[in-house]
Protein backbone atom coordinates (compact mmCIF):
# COMPACT_ATOMS: atom_id res chain seq x y z
CA UNK A 1 13.40 -6.60 21.31
CA UNK A 2 13.80 -5.06 17.86
CA UNK A 3 12.58 -8.28 16.23
CA UNK A 4 9.62 -8.40 18.62
CA UNK A 5 8.67 -4.81 17.84
CA UNK A 6 8.85 -5.54 14.12
CA UNK A 7 6.36 -8.39 14.54
CA UNK A 8 4.06 -6.18 16.61
CA UNK A 9 4.09 -3.48 13.93
CA UNK A 10 3.33 -6.13 11.30
CA UNK A 11 0.35 -7.28 13.37
CA UNK A 12 -0.72 -3.64 13.67
CA UNK A 13 -0.68 -3.28 9.87
CA UNK A 14 -2.69 -6.49 9.43
CA UNK A 15 -5.29 -5.42 12.02
CA UNK A 16 -5.48 -1.98 10.38
CA UNK A 17 -6.14 -3.56 6.97
CA UNK A 18 -8.81 -5.83 8.45
CA UNK A 19 -10.42 -2.86 10.22
CA UNK A 20 -10.49 -0.86 6.97
CA UNK A 21 -12.07 -3.82 5.17
CA UNK A 22 -14.67 -4.18 7.92
CA UNK A 23 -15.47 -0.47 7.68
CA UNK A 24 -16.33 -0.95 4.01
CA UNK A 25 -18.28 -4.16 4.51
CA UNK A 26 -20.40 -2.53 7.23
CA UNK A 27 -19.54 -5.13 9.85
CA UNK A 28 -19.47 -2.84 12.87
CA UNK A 29 -19.68 -5.68 15.40
CA UNK A 30 -16.22 -6.99 14.52
CA UNK A 31 -14.91 -3.42 14.34
CA UNK A 32 -15.59 -3.17 18.06
CA UNK A 33 -12.71 -5.65 18.32
CA UNK A 34 -10.30 -4.43 15.62
CA UNK A 35 -10.52 -0.67 16.10
CA UNK A 36 -9.71 -0.63 19.86
CA UNK A 37 -6.75 -2.96 19.17
CA UNK A 38 -4.91 -0.54 16.88
CA UNK A 39 -3.49 1.95 19.38
CA UNK A 40 -2.50 -0.64 22.05
CA UNK A 41 -0.54 -2.49 19.34
CA UNK A 42 1.23 0.76 18.42
CA UNK A 43 2.00 1.41 22.07
CA UNK A 44 3.43 -2.08 22.52
CA UNK A 45 5.51 -1.80 19.36
CA UNK A 46 6.81 1.59 20.48
CA UNK A 47 7.64 0.25 23.96
CA UNK A 48 9.65 -2.62 22.48
CA UNK A 49 11.48 -0.29 20.08
CA UNK A 50 12.93 2.21 22.54
CA UNK A 51 15.63 1.67 25.14
CA UNK A 52 14.27 4.12 27.73
CA UNK A 53 10.47 3.80 28.18
CA UNK A 54 10.57 6.44 30.96
CA UNK A 55 12.29 8.99 28.72
CA UNK A 56 10.29 12.27 28.89
CA UNK A 57 9.72 12.17 25.12
CA UNK A 58 8.43 8.60 25.31
CA UNK A 59 6.01 9.58 28.08
CA UNK A 60 4.54 12.24 25.78
CA UNK A 61 4.05 9.73 22.96
CA UNK A 62 2.44 7.24 25.36
CA UNK A 63 0.19 10.00 26.67
CA UNK A 64 -0.88 10.99 23.16
CA UNK A 65 -1.54 7.40 22.16
CA UNK A 66 -3.51 6.67 25.32
CA UNK A 67 -5.90 9.56 24.72
CA UNK A 68 -6.15 8.56 21.05
CA UNK A 69 -7.24 5.12 22.21
CA UNK A 70 -9.91 6.71 24.41
CA UNK A 71 -11.00 8.86 21.46
CA UNK A 72 -11.31 5.80 19.22
CA UNK A 73 -13.58 4.14 21.76
CA UNK A 74 -15.73 7.23 22.32
CA UNK A 75 -16.21 7.79 18.58
CA UNK A 76 -17.50 4.26 18.11
CA UNK A 77 -20.62 5.38 19.97
CA UNK A 78 -20.84 8.98 18.83
CA UNK A 79 -23.39 11.04 16.98
CA UNK A 80 -22.56 14.57 15.74
CA UNK A 81 -22.90 16.99 18.63
CA UNK A 82 -23.71 14.19 21.10
CA UNK A 83 -21.93 13.41 24.36
CA UNK A 84 -19.75 10.68 22.84
CA UNK A 85 -18.61 12.99 20.07
CA UNK A 86 -17.69 15.67 22.64
CA UNK A 87 -15.74 13.11 24.67
CA UNK A 88 -13.93 11.96 21.55
CA UNK A 89 -13.16 15.53 20.59
CA UNK A 90 -11.69 16.23 24.03
CA UNK A 91 -9.65 13.02 23.96
CA UNK A 92 -8.08 13.79 20.60
CA UNK A 93 -7.55 17.43 21.55
CA UNK A 94 -5.53 16.13 24.51
CA UNK A 95 -3.58 13.87 22.13
CA UNK A 96 -2.59 16.88 20.05
CA UNK A 97 -1.51 18.76 23.16
CA UNK A 98 0.85 15.87 24.02
CA UNK A 99 2.27 15.92 20.49
CA UNK A 100 2.62 19.72 20.52
CA UNK A 101 4.63 19.49 23.73
CA UNK A 102 6.79 16.75 22.21
CA UNK A 103 7.58 18.87 19.14
CA UNK A 104 8.16 21.99 21.22
CA UNK A 105 10.76 20.24 23.39
CA UNK A 106 13.00 18.81 20.67
CA UNK A 107 16.30 20.67 20.63
CA UNK A 108 19.22 20.88 18.24
CA UNK A 109 22.33 22.89 17.64
CA UNK A 110 20.79 24.27 14.45
CA UNK A 111 17.74 26.46 13.95
CA UNK A 112 14.61 25.11 12.35
CA UNK A 113 14.40 25.74 8.62
CA UNK A 114 10.68 26.49 8.74
CA UNK A 115 10.99 28.87 11.67
CA UNK A 116 12.83 31.25 9.34
CA UNK A 117 10.13 30.91 6.67
CA UNK A 118 6.79 31.94 8.23
CA UNK A 119 4.99 31.71 4.88
CA UNK A 120 4.45 28.00 5.55
CA UNK A 121 2.81 28.81 8.88
CA UNK A 122 0.55 31.23 7.02
CA UNK A 123 -0.37 28.38 4.65
CA UNK A 124 -1.51 26.28 7.62
CA UNK A 125 -3.51 29.24 8.92
CA UNK A 126 -5.11 29.72 5.49
CA UNK A 127 -6.09 26.04 5.46
CA UNK A 128 -7.73 26.37 8.90
CA UNK A 129 -9.66 29.46 7.83
CA UNK A 130 -10.89 27.75 4.67
CA UNK A 131 -11.96 24.62 6.57
CA UNK A 132 -13.85 26.68 9.15
CA UNK A 133 -15.47 28.71 6.37
CA UNK A 134 -16.79 25.47 4.84
CA UNK A 135 -18.01 24.05 8.16
CA UNK A 136 -19.22 27.15 10.01
CA UNK A 137 -22.84 27.32 8.70
CA UNK A 138 -23.36 23.67 9.65
CA UNK A 139 -21.82 23.59 13.14
CA UNK A 140 -24.74 25.05 15.14
CA UNK A 141 -23.88 24.58 18.83
CA UNK A 142 -20.50 23.02 18.00
CA UNK A 143 -18.88 26.23 16.71
CA UNK A 144 -16.66 26.92 19.73
CA UNK A 145 -15.45 23.31 20.27
CA UNK A 146 -14.64 22.87 16.57
CA UNK A 147 -12.89 26.25 16.42
CA UNK A 148 -10.75 25.34 19.44
CA UNK A 149 -9.96 21.92 18.01
CA UNK A 150 -9.03 23.43 14.65
CA UNK A 151 -6.62 25.85 16.30
CA UNK A 152 -4.96 23.08 18.32
CA UNK A 153 -4.50 20.68 15.42
CA UNK A 154 -3.17 23.49 13.22
CA UNK A 155 -0.66 24.33 15.93
CA UNK A 156 0.33 20.66 16.05
CA UNK A 157 1.03 20.72 12.31
CA UNK A 158 3.03 23.94 12.61
CA UNK A 159 5.12 22.44 15.42
CA UNK A 160 5.72 19.33 13.29
CA UNK A 161 6.92 21.54 10.42
CA UNK A 162 9.24 23.17 12.91
CA UNK A 163 11.16 19.90 13.24
CA UNK A 164 12.77 20.33 9.82
CA UNK A 165 16.24 21.63 10.51
CA UNK A 166 16.04 20.74 14.20
CA UNK A 167 16.14 16.98 13.65
CA UNK A 168 17.59 14.91 10.82
CA UNK A 169 15.71 15.54 7.59
CA UNK A 170 14.34 11.98 7.40
CA UNK A 171 13.03 12.04 10.98
CA UNK A 172 11.52 15.49 10.50
CA UNK A 173 9.68 14.45 7.36
CA UNK A 174 8.27 11.38 9.12
CA UNK A 175 6.84 13.67 11.82
CA UNK A 176 5.57 16.15 9.22
CA UNK A 177 3.90 13.37 7.25
CA UNK A 178 2.24 12.07 10.40
CA UNK A 179 0.96 15.51 11.34
CA UNK A 180 -0.36 16.16 7.82
CA UNK A 181 -2.20 12.85 7.72
CA UNK A 182 -3.69 13.64 11.14
CA UNK A 183 -4.97 17.01 9.89
CA UNK A 184 -6.37 15.30 6.78
CA UNK A 185 -8.14 12.64 8.86
CA UNK A 186 -9.70 15.16 11.24
CA UNK A 187 -10.71 17.44 8.36
CA UNK A 188 -12.43 14.58 6.54
CA UNK A 189 -14.19 13.55 9.75
CA UNK A 190 -15.45 17.10 10.34
CA UNK A 191 -16.72 17.53 6.77
CA UNK A 192 -18.41 14.13 6.81
CA UNK A 193 -20.11 14.72 10.17
CA UNK A 194 -21.15 18.35 9.82
CA UNK A 195 -21.43 19.28 6.14
CA UNK A 196 -22.10 16.31 3.90
CA UNK A 197 -21.54 12.58 3.86
CA UNK A 198 -18.43 11.72 1.86
CA UNK A 199 -18.08 8.62 -0.34
CA UNK A 200 -15.87 6.04 1.39
CA UNK A 201 -15.70 8.39 4.38
CA UNK A 202 -14.75 5.82 7.01
CA UNK A 203 -12.10 4.30 4.76
CA UNK A 204 -10.49 7.69 4.11
CA UNK A 205 -10.73 8.84 7.72
CA UNK A 206 -9.30 5.66 9.22
CA UNK A 207 -6.56 5.11 6.63
CA UNK A 208 -5.18 8.64 7.10
CA UNK A 209 -5.54 8.32 10.89
CA UNK A 210 -3.68 5.00 11.02
CA UNK A 211 -0.90 6.40 8.82
CA UNK A 212 -0.68 9.49 11.02
CA UNK A 213 -0.25 7.59 14.26
CA UNK A 214 2.16 5.07 12.73
CA UNK A 215 4.38 7.80 11.28
CA UNK A 216 4.45 9.82 14.51
CA UNK A 217 5.47 6.69 16.44
CA UNK A 218 8.14 5.82 13.88
CA UNK A 219 9.39 9.40 13.92
CA UNK A 220 9.78 9.28 17.69
CA UNK A 221 11.63 5.96 17.53
CA UNK A 222 14.13 7.50 15.10
CA UNK A 223 14.35 10.73 17.10
CA UNK A 224 15.26 8.89 20.30
CA UNK A 225 18.14 7.22 18.47
CA UNK A 226 19.63 10.50 17.24
CA UNK A 227 22.72 11.93 19.03
CA UNK A 228 20.97 15.04 20.42
CA UNK A 229 18.19 13.74 22.68
CA UNK A 230 18.26 16.16 25.60
CA UNK A 231 14.88 17.19 26.95
CA UNK A 232 14.27 20.92 27.17
CA UNK A 233 12.15 21.68 30.24
């Protein structure tokens, strides 16, 4: 099973590279094949990597990935402020709620390092305020949805930071890296859609998004192999 999962993750990386190349070549027809394949490949690789697919943590990862897959599909047809964009926003917001719950339920005999140092949480808050300051004049009727989304994704990043000291350092940093790449991807998407078109926007958005999802999946695989795996209800 481990060998099979390794091959699936290799296929995921190849498909991701092809999708990024297609995004730069402007071949959107083939991207309707490659882009929707990414998350199912991650889900399959994750399924083959864990011993207990019905583990409560695994269910949260599968839930987050499923709504990410829906979001990917919705955003292939979106326009800023349109119905497909709203659907994509709601799908990814749900993804972040699944990941927030995952991070909130990890337990350990030690206290989180970052929980004792709130200055890092303030740094995340400062980033959110700055991003909203940049976007606010351009959001028009999307102010409330974008504000809500910004709060949720910032909370997801804070909860990922919380893993340092709760989990092994390596696992925690994988989660933190995934969360940071997710925030970067969503921030780039928001700036590109609402403020100004960015050079190589799709390449930057998709590469950070793919890295984010891959790291979160890999972090969960490592987490489920650690000695303390109890689920806190």
